[in-house]
PDB file of N, CA and C in Angstrom:
ATOM      1  N   MET A   1     -54.929 -38.822 -12.989  1.00  0.00           N
ATOM      2  CA  MET A   1     -55.673 -38.984 -14.205  1.00  0.00           C
ATOM      3  C   MET A   1     -57.170 -38.780 -13.965  1.00  0.00           C
ATOM      4  N   LEU A   2     -57.654 -39.318 -12.867  1.00  0.00           N
ATOM      5  CA  LEU A   2     -59.063 -39.176 -12.528  1.00  0.00           C
ATOM      6  C   LEU A   2     -59.405 -37.715 -12.230  1.00  0.00           C
ATOM      7  N   ALA A   3     -58.489 -36.997 -11.621  1.00  0.00           N
ATOM      8  CA  ALA A   3     -58.711 -35.591 -11.303  1.00  0.00           C
ATOM      9  C   ALA A   3     -58.795 -34.765 -12.583  1.00  0.00           C
ATOM     10  N   VAL A   4     -57.987 -35.105 -13.567  1.00  0.00           N
ATOM     11  CA  VAL A   4     -57.999 -34.390 -14.840  1.00  0.00           C
ATOM     12  C   VAL A   4     -59.331 -34.633 -15.547  1.00  0.00           C
ATOM     13  N   ALA A   5     -59.799 -35.856 -15.528  1.00  0.00           N
ATOM     14  CA  ALA A   5     -61.067 -36.182 -16.161  1.00  0.00           C
ATOM     15  C   ALA A   5     -62.219 -35.469 -15.450  1.00  0.00           C
ATOM     16  N   ALA A   6     -62.165 -35.445 -14.126  1.00  0.00           N
ATOM     17  CA  ALA A   6     -63.204 -34.767 -13.353  1.00  0.00           C
ATOM     18  C   ALA A   6     -63.190 -33.265 -13.641  1.00  0.00           C
ATOM     19  N   ALA A   7     -62.004 -32.680 -13.748  1.00  0.00           N
ATOM     20  CA  ALA A   7     -61.891 -31.250 -14.063  1.00  0.00           C
ATOM     21  C   ALA A   7     -62.416 -30.970 -15.463  1.00  0.00           C
ATOM     22  N   LEU A   8     -62.125 -31.868 -16.396  1.00  0.00           N
ATOM     23  CA  LEU A   8     -62.611 -31.701 -17.765  1.00  0.00           C
ATOM     24  C   LEU A   8     -64.133 -31.773 -17.814  1.00  0.00           C
ATOM     25  N   VAL A   9     -64.730 -32.711 -17.116  1.00  0.00           N
ATOM     26  CA  VAL A   9     -66.192 -32.837 -17.080  1.00  0.00           C
ATOM     27  C   VAL A   9     -66.804 -31.620 -16.397  1.00  0.00           C
ATOM     28  N   ALA A  10     -66.202 -31.174 -15.303  1.00  0.00           N
ATOM     29  CA  ALA A  10     -66.714 -30.002 -14.585  1.00  0.00           C
ATOM     30  C   ALA A  10     -66.640 -28.758 -15.462  1.00  0.00           C
ATOM     31  N   SER A  11     -65.542 -28.606 -16.214  1.00  0.00           N
ATOM     32  CA  SER A  11     -65.424 -27.428 -17.083  1.00  0.00           C
ATOM     33  C   SER A  11     -66.463 -27.472 -18.204  1.00  0.00           C
ATOM     34  N   MET A  12     -66.778 -28.676 -18.694  1.00  0.00           N
ATOM     35  CA  MET A  12     -67.808 -28.797 -19.725  1.00  0.00           C
ATOM     36  C   MET A  12     -69.155 -28.330 -19.184  1.00  0.00           C
ATOM     37  N   PHE A  13     -69.472 -28.695 -17.939  1.00  0.00           N
ATOM     38  CA  PHE A  13     -70.734 -28.272 -17.340  1.00  0.00           C
ATOM     39  C   PHE A  13     -70.761 -26.767 -17.099  1.00  0.00           C
ATOM     40  N   VAL A  14     -69.635 -26.214 -16.665  1.00  0.00           N
ATOM     41  CA  VAL A  14     -69.564 -24.775 -16.422  1.00  0.00           C
ATOM     42  C   VAL A  14     -69.746 -24.013 -17.734  1.00  0.00           C
ATOM     43  N   LEU A  15     -69.043 -24.465 -18.781  1.00  0.00           N
ATOM     44  CA  LEU A  15     -69.172 -23.799 -20.086  1.00  0.00           C
ATOM     45  C   LEU A  15     -70.589 -23.928 -20.632  1.00  0.00           C
ATOM     46  N   ARG A  16     -71.174 -25.109 -20.478  1.00  0.00           N
ATOM     47  CA  ARG A  16     -72.542 -25.300 -20.950  1.00  0.00           C
ATOM     48  C   ARG A  16     -73.504 -24.416 -20.164  1.00  0.00           C
ATOM     49  N   GLY A  17     -73.304 -24.298 -18.857  1.00  0.00           N
ATOM     50  CA  GLY A  17     -74.154 -23.436 -18.028  1.00  0.00           C
ATOM     51  C   GLY A  17     -74.036 -21.975 -18.437  1.00  0.00           C
ATOM     52  N   ALA A  18     -72.814 -21.537 -18.737  1.00  0.00           N
ATOM     53  CA  ALA A  18     -72.610 -20.152 -19.174  1.00  0.00           C
ATOM     54  C   ALA A  18     -73.298 -19.916 -20.516  1.00  0.00           C
ATOM     55  N   ARG A  19     -73.208 -20.892 -21.415  1.00  0.00           N
ATOM     56  CA  ARG A  19     -73.862 -20.743 -22.719  1.00  0.00           C
ATOM     57  C   ARG A  19     -75.379 -20.701 -22.564  1.00  0.00           C
ATOM     58  N   ILE A  20     -75.914 -21.526 -21.703  1.00  0.00           N
ATOM     59  CA  ILE A  20     -77.355 -21.523 -21.449  1.00  0.00           C
ATOM     60  C   ILE A  20     -77.788 -20.181 -20.876  1.00  0.00           C
ATOM     61  N   ALA A  21     -77.010 -19.625 -19.960  1.00  0.00           N
ATOM     62  CA  ALA A  21     -77.335 -18.325 -19.371  1.00  0.00           C
ATOM     63  C   ALA A  21     -77.339 -17.234 -20.442  1.00  0.00           C
ATOM     64  N   ARG A  22     -76.339 -17.272 -21.339  1.00  0.00           N
ATOM     65  CA  ARG A  22     -76.284 -16.290 -22.434  1.00  0.00           C
ATOM     66  C   ARG A  22     -77.498 -16.424 -23.349  1.00  0.00           C
ATOM     67  N   LEU A  23     -77.855 -17.657 -23.666  1.00  0.00           N
ATOM     68  CA  LEU A  23     -78.996 -17.876 -24.547  1.00  0.00           C
ATOM     69  C   LEU A  23     -80.300 -17.436 -23.890  1.00  0.00           C
ATOM     70  N   ARG A  24     -80.443 -17.659 -22.607  1.00  0.00           N
ATOM     71  CA  ARG A  24     -81.645 -17.200 -21.904  1.00  0.00           C
ATOM     72  C   ARG A  24     -81.738 -15.682 -21.914  1.00  0.00           C
ATOM     73  N   ALA A  25     -80.597 -15.007 -21.720  1.00  0.00           N
ATOM     74  CA  ALA A  25     -80.584 -13.543 -21.767  1.00  0.00           C
ATOM     75  C   ALA A  25     -80.942 -13.050 -23.171  1.00  0.00           C
ATOM     76  N   GLU A  26     -80.440 -13.744 -24.180  1.00  0.00           N
ATOM     77  CA  GLU A  26     -80.759 -13.356 -25.556  1.00  0.00           C
ATOM     78  C   GLU A  26     -82.244 -13.568 -25.847  1.00  0.00           C
ATOM     79  N   ILE A  27     -82.811 -14.646 -25.354  1.00  0.00           N
ATOM     80  CA  ILE A  27     -84.240 -14.898 -25.532  1.00  0.00           C
ATOM     81  C   ILE A  27     -85.054 -13.789 -24.880  1.00  0.00           C
ATOM     82  N   ALA A  28     -84.684 -13.399 -23.671  1.00  0.00           N
ATOM     83  CA  ALA A  28     -85.408 -12.325 -22.977  1.00  0.00           C
ATOM     84  C   ALA A  28     -85.318 -11.022 -23.764  1.00  0.00           C
ATOM     85  N   SER A  29     -84.146 -10.727 -24.296  1.00  0.00           N
ATOM     86  CA  SER A  29     -83.974  -9.509 -25.091  1.00  0.00           C
ATOM     87  C   SER A  29     -84.829  -9.557 -26.354  1.00  0.00           C
ATOM     88  N   LEU A  30     -84.847 -10.697 -27.016  1.00  0.00           N
ATOM     89  CA  LEU A  30     -85.647 -10.834 -28.230  1.00  0.00           C
ATOM     90  C   LEU A  30     -87.139 -10.744 -27.930  1.00  0.00           C
ATOM     91  N   GLU A  31     -87.565 -11.274 -26.798  1.00  0.00           N
ATOM     92  CA  GLU A  31     -88.976 -11.169 -26.417  1.00  0.00           C
ATOM     93  C   GLU A  31     -89.369  -9.717 -26.170  1.00  0.00           C
ATOM     94  N   ARG A  32     -88.478  -8.944 -25.541  1.00  0.00           N
ATOM     95  CA  ARG A  32     -88.755  -7.516 -25.325  1.00  0.00           C
ATOM     96  C   ARG A  32     -88.834  -6.782 -26.662  1.00  0.00           C
ATOM     97  N   ARG A  33     -87.912  -7.099 -27.575  1.00  0.00           N
ATOM     98  CA  ARG A  33     -87.939  -6.466 -28.899  1.00  0.00           C
ATOM     99  C   ARG A  33     -89.205  -6.842 -29.656  1.00  0.00           C
ATOM    100  N   GLN A  34     -89.650  -8.081 -29.492  1.00  0.00           N
ATOM    101  CA  GLN A  34     -90.876  -8.518 -30.155  1.00  0.00           C
ATOM    102  C   GLN A  34     -92.079  -7.753 -29.617  1.00  0.00           C
ATOM    103  N   GLU A  35     -92.155  -7.563 -28.301  1.00  0.00           N
ATOM    104  CA  GLU A  35     -93.258  -6.805 -27.707  1.00  0.00           C
ATOM    105  C   GLU A  35     -93.269  -5.375 -28.230  1.00  0.00           C
ATOM    106  N   THR A  36     -92.092  -4.761 -28.323  1.00  0.00           N
ATOM    107  CA  THR A  36     -91.985  -3.401 -28.846  1.00  0.00           C
ATOM    108  C   THR A  36     -92.430  -3.348 -30.305  1.00  0.00           C
ATOM    109  N   ALA A  37     -91.993  -4.325 -31.091  1.00  0.00           N
ATOM    110  CA  ALA A  37     -92.365  -4.354 -32.507  1.00  0.00           C
ATOM    111  C   ALA A  37     -93.873  -4.552 -32.671  1.00  0.00           C
ATOM    112  N   LEU A  38     -94.478  -5.387 -31.847  1.00  0.00           N
ATOM    113  CA  LEU A  38     -95.920  -5.605 -31.942  1.00  0.00           C
ATOM    114  C   LEU A  38     -96.695  -4.338 -31.573  1.00  0.00           C
ATOM    115  N   ALA A  39     -96.227  -3.624 -30.548  1.00  0.00           N
ATOM    116  CA  ALA A  39     -96.884  -2.370 -30.169  1.00  0.00           C
ATOM    117  C   ALA A  39     -96.762  -1.346 -31.299  1.00  0.00           C
ATOM    118  N   GLU A  40     -95.593  -1.284 -31.924  1.00  0.00           N
ATOM    119  CA  GLU A  40     -95.396  -0.353 -33.046  1.00  0.00           C
ATOM    120  C   GLU A  40     -96.277  -0.760 -34.228  1.00  0.00           C
ATOM    121  N   LYS A  41     -96.421  -2.060 -34.465  1.00  0.00           N
ATOM    122  CA  LYS A  41     -97.272  -2.546 -35.551  1.00  0.00           C
ATOM    123  C   LYS A  41     -98.718  -2.120 -35.336  1.00  0.00           C
ATOM    124  N   ILE A  42     -99.196  -2.239 -34.108  1.00  0.00           N
ATOM    125  CA  ILE A  42    -100.572  -1.834 -33.804  1.00  0.00           C
ATOM    126  C   ILE A  42    -100.747  -0.341 -34.052  1.00  0.00           C
ATOM    127  N   LEU A  43     -99.781   0.458 -33.610  1.00  0.00           N
ATOM    128  CA  LEU A  43     -99.841   1.902 -33.820  1.00  0.00           C
ATOM    129  C   LEU A  43     -99.856   2.242 -35.310  1.00  0.00           C
ATOM    130  N   LEU A  44     -99.005   1.575 -36.081  1.00  0.00           N
ATOM    131  CA  LEU A  44     -98.961   1.837 -37.520  1.00  0.00           C
ATOM    132  C   LEU A  44    -100.248   1.404 -38.217  1.00  0.00           C
ATOM    133  N   GLU A  45    -100.832   0.307 -37.769  1.00  0.00           N
ATOM    134  CA  GLU A  45    -102.105  -0.129 -38.348  1.00  0.00           C
ATOM    135  C   GLU A  45    -103.209   0.886 -38.056  1.00  0.00           C
ATOM    136  N   GLU A  46    -103.197   1.453 -36.849  1.00  0.00           N
ATOM    137  CA  GLU A  46    -104.179   2.484 -36.505  1.00  0.00           C
ATOM    138  C   GLU A  46    -103.970   3.726 -37.368  1.00  0.00           C
ATOM    139  N   GLN A  47    -102.717   4.111 -37.571  1.00  0.00           N
ATOM    140  CA  GLN A  47    -102.430   5.276 -38.406  1.00  0.00           C
ATOM    141  C   GLN A  47    -102.847   5.023 -39.856  1.00  0.00           C
ATOM    142  N   LEU A  48    -102.631   3.804 -40.329  1.00  0.00           N
ATOM    143  CA  LEU A  48    -103.023   3.468 -41.689  1.00  0.00           C
ATOM    144  C   LEU A  48    -104.543   3.512 -41.842  1.00  0.00           C
ATOM    145  N   ALA A  49    -105.248   3.015 -40.840  1.00  0.00           N
ATOM    146  CA  ALA A  49    -106.709   3.058 -40.889  1.00  0.00           C
ATOM    147  C   ALA A  49    -107.201   4.501 -40.873  1.00  0.00           C
ATOM    148  N   ALA A  50    -106.551   5.338 -40.077  1.00  0.00           N
ATOM    149  CA  ALA A  50    -106.950   6.750 -40.010  1.00  0.00           C
ATOM    150  C   ALA A  50    -106.620   7.480 -41.311  1.00  0.00           C
ATOM    151  N   ALA A  51    -105.596   7.012 -42.024  1.00  0.00           N
ATOM    152  CA  ALA A  51    -105.190   7.683 -43.263  1.00  0.00           C
ATOM    153  C   ALA A  51    -106.248   7.557 -44.345  1.00  0.00           C
ATOM    154  N   SER A  52    -107.096   6.550 -44.261  1.00  0.00           N
ATOM    155  CA  SER A  52    -108.137   6.395 -45.269  1.00  0.00           C
ATOM    156  C   SER A  52    -109.482   6.930 -44.782  1.00  0.00           C
ATOM    157  N   ASP A  53    -109.508   7.517 -43.596  1.00  0.00           N
ATOM    158  CA  ASP A  53    -110.732   8.085 -43.043  1.00  0.00           C
ATOM    159  C   ASP A  53    -110.873   9.530 -43.544  1.00  0.00           C
ATOM    160  N   PRO A  54    -111.942   9.846 -44.263  1.00  0.00           N
ATOM    161  CA  PRO A  54    -112.098  11.205 -44.817  1.00  0.00           C
ATOM    162  C   PRO A  54    -112.080  12.295 -43.747  1.00  0.00           C
ATOM    163  N   GLU A  55    -112.649  12.038 -42.602  1.00  0.00           N
ATOM    164  CA  GLU A  55    -112.647  13.053 -41.534  1.00  0.00           C
ATOM    165  C   GLU A  55    -111.239  13.298 -41.014  1.00  0.00           C
ATOM    166  N   ALA A  56    -110.440  12.228 -40.905  1.00  0.00           N
ATOM    167  CA  ALA A  56    -109.055  12.388 -40.454  1.00  0.00           C
ATOM    168  C   ALA A  56    -108.240  13.156 -41.490  1.00  0.00           C
ATOM    169  N   ILE A  57    -108.474  12.865 -42.758  1.00  0.00           N
ATOM    170  CA  ILE A  57    -107.762  13.572 -43.823  1.00  0.00           C
ATOM    171  C   ILE A  57    -108.117  15.059 -43.799  1.00  0.00           C
ATOM    172  N   GLU A  58    -109.404  15.353 -43.621  1.00  0.00           N
ATOM    173  CA  GLU A  58    -109.834  16.753 -43.547  1.00  0.00           C
ATOM    174  C   GLU A  58    -109.206  17.460 -42.355  1.00  0.00           C
ATOM    175  N   ALA A  59    -109.189  16.791 -41.207  1.00  0.00           N
ATOM    176  CA  ALA A  59    -108.611  17.403 -40.006  1.00  0.00           C
ATOM    177  C   ALA A  59    -107.129  17.695 -40.195  1.00  0.00           C
ATOM    178  N   LEU A  60    -106.400  16.769 -40.821  1.00  0.00           N
ATOM    179  CA  LEU A  60    -104.970  16.995 -41.066  1.00  0.00           C
ATOM    180  C   LEU A  60    -104.753  18.109 -42.085  1.00  0.00           C
ATOM    181  N   ALA A  61    -105.585  18.167 -43.120  1.00  0.00           N
ATOM    182  CA  ALA A  61    -105.458  19.241 -44.109  1.00  0.00           C
ATOM    183  C   ALA A  61    -105.712  20.595 -43.464  1.00  0.00           C
ATOM    184  N   ARG A  62    -106.686  20.662 -42.584  1.00  0.00           N
ATOM    185  CA  ARG A  62    -106.954  21.922 -41.887  1.00  0.00           C
ATOM    186  C   ARG A  62    -105.792  22.299 -40.971  1.00  0.00           C
ATOM    187  N   LEU A  63    -105.244  21.308 -40.268  1.00  0.00           N
ATOM    188  CA  LEU A  63    -104.166  21.581 -39.313  1.00  0.00           C
ATOM    189  C   LEU A  63    -102.869  21.926 -40.026  1.00  0.00           C
ATOM    190  N   TRP A  64    -102.429  21.073 -40.944  1.00  0.00           N
ATOM    191  CA  TRP A  64    -101.119  21.237 -41.564  1.00  0.00           C
ATOM    192  C   TRP A  64    -101.114  22.290 -42.672  1.00  0.00           C
ATOM    193  N   LEU A  65    -102.182  22.338 -43.451  1.00  0.00           N
ATOM    194  CA  LEU A  65    -102.193  23.217 -44.616  1.00  0.00           C
ATOM    195  C   LEU A  65    -103.012  24.480 -44.420  1.00  0.00           C
ATOM    196  N   GLY A  66    -103.745  24.545 -43.309  1.00  0.00           N
ATOM    197  CA  GLY A  66    -104.553  25.719 -43.043  1.00  0.00           C
ATOM    198  C   GLY A  66    -105.771  25.824 -43.937  1.00  0.00           C
ATOM    199  N   TRP A  67    -106.251  24.724 -44.456  1.00  0.00           N
ATOM    200  CA  TRP A  67    -107.399  24.737 -45.360  1.00  0.00           C
ATOM    201  C   TRP A  67    -108.684  25.072 -44.624  1.00  0.00           C
ATOM    202  N   VAL A  68    -109.563  25.768 -45.323  1.00  0.00           N
ATOM    203  CA  VAL A  68    -110.902  26.057 -44.812  1.00  0.00           C
ATOM    204  C   VAL A  68    -111.903  25.729 -45.910  1.00  0.00           C
ATOM    205  N   LEU A  69    -113.136  25.473 -45.529  1.00  0.00           N
ATOM    206  CA  LEU A  69    -114.200  25.215 -46.504  1.00  0.00           C
ATOM    207  C   LEU A  69    -114.645  26.539 -47.118  1.00  0.00           C
ATOM    208  N   PRO A  70    -115.265  26.491 -48.279  1.00  0.00           N
ATOM    209  CA  PRO A  70    -115.659  27.737 -48.964  1.00  0.00           C
ATOM    210  C   PRO A  70    -116.541  28.661 -48.131  1.00  0.00           C
ATOM    211  N   ASP A  71    -117.390  28.123 -47.274  1.00  0.00           N
ATOM    212  CA  ASP A  71    -118.282  28.982 -46.477  1.00  0.00           C
ATOM    213  C   ASP A  71    -117.687  29.356 -45.124  1.00  0.00           C
ATOM    214  N   GLU A  72    -116.426  29.068 -44.906  1.00  0.00           N
ATOM    215  CA  GLU A  72    -115.780  29.382 -43.628  1.00  0.00           C
ATOM    216  C   GLU A  72    -114.810  30.549 -43.803  1.00  0.00           C
ATOM    217  N   GLU A  73    -114.509  31.195 -42.695  1.00  0.00           N
ATOM    218  CA  GLU A  73    -113.494  32.242 -42.684  1.00  0.00           C
ATOM    219  C   GLU A  73    -112.384  31.816 -41.742  1.00  0.00           C
ATOM    220  N   LYS A  74    -111.175  32.103 -42.117  1.00  0.00           N
ATOM    221  CA  LYS A  74    -110.024  31.753 -41.294  1.00  0.00           C
ATOM    222  C   LYS A  74    -109.552  32.999 -40.557  1.00  0.00           C
ATOM    223  N   ALA A  75    -109.362  32.860 -39.274  1.00  0.00           N
ATOM    224  CA  ALA A  75    -108.881  33.985 -38.464  1.00  0.00           C
ATOM    225  C   ALA A  75    -107.477  33.648 -37.965  1.00  0.00           C
ATOM    226  N   ILE A  76    -106.586  34.600 -38.104  1.00  0.00           N
ATOM    227  CA  ILE A  76    -105.207  34.424 -37.625  1.00  0.00           C
ATOM    228  C   ILE A  76    -104.970  35.488 -36.575  1.00  0.00           C
ATOM    229  N   PHE A  77    -104.593  35.067 -35.392  1.00  0.00           N
ATOM    230  CA  PHE A  77    -104.356  35.988 -34.285  1.00  0.00           C
ATOM    231  C   PHE A  77    -102.835  36.180 -34.132  1.00  0.00           C
ATOM    232  N   ILE A  78    -102.436  37.431 -34.090  1.00  0.00           N
ATOM    233  CA  ILE A  78    -101.025  37.758 -33.900  1.00  0.00           C
ATOM    234  C   ILE A  78    -100.893  38.446 -32.555  1.00  0.00           C
ATOM    235  N   GLN A  79    -100.053  37.877 -31.718  1.00  0.00           N
ATOM    236  CA  GLN A  79     -99.858  38.449 -30.380  1.00  0.00           C
ATOM    237  C   GLN A  79     -98.641  39.360 -30.381  1.00  0.00           C
ATOM    238  N   GLU A  80     -98.803  40.474 -29.701  1.00  0.00           N
ATOM    239  CA  GLU A  80     -97.672  41.387 -29.576  1.00  0.00           C
ATOM    240  C   GLU A  80     -96.813  40.920 -28.418  1.00  0.00           C
ATOM    241  N   GLU A  81     -95.527  41.104 -28.579  1.00  0.00           N
ATOM    242  CA  GLU A  81     -94.599  40.674 -27.534  1.00  0.00           C
ATOM    243  C   GLU A  81     -94.239  41.798 -26.613  1.00  0.00           C
TER     244      GLU A  81
END
């Protein structure tokens, strides 16, 4: 009877230890995800700040849309293969 009780108590400690180990691993995973999310948040905040910057908007319009100012000329170079 004493051996059964001792085995039951030992199994409770083993199960509790396994659960604690799982929870610690989950905490570590969540902390890594939080760090990644914070880094992405900083990047998005920088992009949002740049989106309201007139110089950044002009640079993107020139790059993506090929816009030029009225007193400028656009040159397109075509390379032969």
